[in-house]
Amino acid sequence: MNRIARIEIDDTGLAAPTPEIEQERRVAVFDLLEENSFAPVARSEAVLPEGPYALRLSIRDKRLVFDIETEAGEKAGEFHLSLGPFRQVVKDYFQICESYFDAVKKLPPAQIETIDMARRGIHNEGARVVQERLEGKADVDTDTARRLFTLICVLHWG
């Protein structure tokens, strides 16, 4: 039951994403809901309600907000993360994605594969940052962290 069953991305006030960014978002949400591992960590002696969970991601006051409820709507936690540790890896990820999207249109498969390998490497670095930032707040596996990183990038788009 330690999983996300529903996810909402609050992009209120953010710029409209490009079609490529919107596609990345749809794929990340679909993949995340298909398979993930997400377990909020209780603080002190508090007992958290069991999942599955509904997660709402947003940016408020220049902070990344994870708002977590049970599927029944019971509050399971909320935490705010500084965006600073994400800035460089998000910037790098957007740059490599732009190169990748351009390459797909005009380069041979071997060059596209090289760019895609670099993109996956940066994506893995983003997942590592997500896991570090969530330490003590929520336990997530690498695949879940990768998908959450994609969604964090979508929120950075604005």
Protein backbone atom coordinates (compact mmCIF):
# COMPACT_ATOMS: atom_id res chain seq x y z
CA MET A 1 0.00 0.00 0.00
CA ASN A 2 3.07 2.27 -0.02
CA ARG A 3 2.37 3.76 -3.39
CA ILE A 4 0.95 6.77 -5.18
CA ALA A 5 -2.47 5.99 -6.65
CA ARG A 6 -3.32 9.50 -7.82
CA ILE A 7 -1.15 12.48 -8.70
CA GLU A 8 -2.00 16.09 -9.36
CA ILE A 9 0.41 18.67 -10.70
CA ASP A 10 -0.57 22.18 -9.65
CA ASP A 11 0.88 24.36 -12.39
CA THR A 12 -1.21 27.40 -11.50
CA GLY A 13 0.61 30.55 -12.51
CA LEU A 14 3.23 28.72 -14.58
CA ALA A 15 3.91 29.19 -18.27
CA ALA A 16 2.21 26.76 -20.61
CA PRO A 17 4.54 23.85 -21.39
CA THR A 18 5.76 23.06 -24.88
CA PRO A 19 4.21 20.01 -26.56
CA GLU A 20 7.40 18.04 -25.79
CA ILE A 21 7.31 18.98 -22.11
CA GLU A 22 3.61 18.14 -21.93
CA GLN A 23 4.33 14.73 -23.48
CA GLU A 24 7.11 14.10 -20.91
CA ARG A 25 4.62 14.97 -18.18
CA ARG A 26 1.94 12.60 -19.50
CA VAL A 27 4.41 9.74 -19.81
CA ALA A 28 5.86 10.36 -16.32
CA VAL A 29 2.39 10.47 -14.72
CA PHE A 30 1.28 7.32 -16.56
CA ASP A 31 4.46 5.42 -15.66
CA LEU A 32 4.36 6.64 -12.07
CA LEU A 33 0.78 5.49 -11.56
CA GLU A 34 1.52 2.15 -13.22
CA GLU A 35 4.37 1.32 -10.86
CA ASN A 36 5.88 3.21 -7.95
CA SER A 37 7.07 2.89 -4.39
CA PHE A 38 6.25 5.82 -2.12
CA ALA A 39 6.15 5.70 1.67
CA PRO A 40 5.93 8.89 3.73
CA VAL A 41 8.14 8.77 6.81
CA ALA A 42 6.46 9.48 10.14
CA ARG A 43 7.98 12.22 12.24
CA SER A 44 8.63 11.42 15.88
CA GLU A 45 5.92 9.17 17.32
CA ALA A 46 3.24 10.11 14.80
CA VAL A 47 1.45 7.29 13.01
CA LEU A 48 0.77 7.94 9.36
CA PRO A 49 -2.39 6.71 7.69
CA GLU A 50 -1.82 3.84 5.30
CA GLY A 51 -1.75 4.34 1.55
CA PRO A 52 -2.21 4.22 -1.26
CA TYR A 53 -1.70 7.95 -1.47
CA ALA A 54 -2.77 10.92 -3.52
CA LEU A 55 0.13 13.29 -4.17
CA ARG A 56 -0.20 16.93 -5.14
CA LEU A 57 2.99 18.57 -6.39
CA SER A 58 3.23 22.34 -6.59
CA ILE A 59 5.58 25.26 -6.22
CA ARG A 60 4.66 27.74 -3.51
CA ASP A 61 6.80 30.57 -2.25
CA LYS A 62 9.68 29.29 -4.41
CA ARG A 63 9.57 25.89 -2.71
CA LEU A 64 8.58 22.48 -4.03
CA VAL A 65 5.56 21.23 -2.08
CA PHE A 66 4.56 17.59 -1.64
CA ASP A 67 1.01 17.44 -0.28
CA ILE A 68 0.06 13.86 0.59
CA GLU A 69 -3.36 12.43 1.40
CA THR A 70 -4.84 8.98 1.51
CA GLU A 71 -7.20 8.07 -1.31
CA ALA A 72 -10.02 8.74 1.16
CA GLY A 73 -8.79 12.33 1.61
CA GLU A 74 -7.13 11.95 5.04
CA LYS A 75 -4.06 14.18 5.40
CA ALA A 76 -0.90 12.03 5.43
CA GLY A 77 1.71 14.76 5.34
CA GLU A 78 3.08 17.81 3.64
CA PHE A 79 6.64 18.90 3.18
CA HIS A 80 8.41 21.72 1.41
CA LEU A 81 11.76 21.36 -0.34
CA SER A 82 14.13 24.07 -1.43
CA LEU A 83 14.40 24.28 -5.20
CA GLY A 84 18.09 25.25 -5.02
CA PRO A 85 19.49 21.70 -5.08
CA PHE A 86 17.43 20.94 -8.20
CA ARG A 87 18.30 24.02 -10.27
CA GLN A 88 21.48 22.88 -12.02
CA VAL A 89 20.34 19.34 -12.80
CA VAL A 90 16.98 20.64 -14.09
CA LYS A 91 18.80 23.18 -16.28
CA ASP A 92 21.10 20.44 -17.60
CA TYR A 93 18.12 18.16 -18.21
CA PHE A 94 16.22 20.81 -20.19
CA GLN A 95 19.30 21.51 -22.31
CA ILE A 96 19.89 17.85 -23.14
CA CYS A 97 16.18 17.29 -23.81
CA GLU A 98 16.19 20.21 -26.24
CA SER A 99 19.20 18.67 -28.00
CA TYR A 100 17.48 15.30 -28.05
CA PHE A 101 14.21 16.66 -29.49
CA ASP A 102 16.19 18.51 -32.19
CA ALA A 103 18.31 15.43 -32.93
CA VAL A 104 15.27 13.20 -33.41
CA LYS A 105 14.18 15.47 -36.24
CA LYS A 106 17.43 15.51 -38.21
CA LEU A 107 20.28 13.30 -36.98
CA PRO A 108 21.11 9.65 -37.68
CA PRO A 109 20.18 7.02 -35.06
CA ALA A 110 23.74 6.63 -33.72
CA GLN A 111 23.95 10.31 -32.80
CA ILE A 112 20.45 10.27 -31.33
CA GLU A 113 21.43 7.29 -29.17
CA THR A 114 24.49 9.14 -27.85
CA ILE A 115 22.40 12.15 -26.86
CA ASP A 116 19.76 9.87 -25.33
CA MET A 117 22.42 8.14 -23.20
CA ALA A 118 23.52 11.54 -21.90
CA ARG A 119 19.89 12.44 -21.24
CA ARG A 120 19.39 9.25 -19.22
CA GLY A 121 22.55 10.00 -17.24
CA ILE A 122 21.31 13.46 -16.28
CA HIS A 123 17.89 11.98 -15.50
CA ASN A 124 19.56 9.48 -13.15
CA GLU A 125 21.40 12.35 -11.45
CA GLY A 126 18.05 14.14 -11.00
CA ALA A 127 16.59 10.97 -9.44
CA ARG A 128 19.53 10.83 -7.03
CA VAL A 129 18.87 14.45 -5.99
CA VAL A 130 15.17 13.62 -5.47
CA GLN A 131 16.05 10.67 -3.24
CA GLU A 132 18.51 12.79 -1.25
CA ARG A 133 16.00 15.61 -0.76
CA LEU A 134 13.25 13.19 0.27
CA GLU A 135 15.46 11.43 2.82
CA GLY A 136 13.65 11.39 6.16
CA LYS A 137 10.44 12.58 4.50
CA ALA A 138 9.48 9.79 2.09
CA ASP A 139 11.07 6.57 0.89
CA VAL A 140 11.04 6.14 -2.88
CA ASP A 141 12.74 3.71 -5.21
CA THR A 142 14.92 4.85 -8.12
CA ASP A 143 12.22 4.51 -10.79
CA THR A 144 9.77 6.54 -8.69
CA ALA A 145 12.46 9.17 -8.09
CA ARG A 146 13.12 9.36 -11.86
CA ARG A 147 9.45 9.96 -12.60
CA LEU A 148 9.13 12.51 -9.80
CA PHE A 149 12.19 14.29 -11.20
CA THR A 150 10.46 14.57 -14.59
CA LEU A 151 7.43 16.11 -12.88
CA ILE A 152 9.64 18.51 -10.93
CA CYS A 153 11.15 19.57 -14.26
CA VAL A 154 7.66 20.24 -15.59
CA LEU A 155 7.01 22.51 -12.62
CA HIS A 156 10.32 24.30 -13.21
CA TRP A 157 9.23 25.00 -16.78
CA GLY A 158 7.29 28.05 -15.55
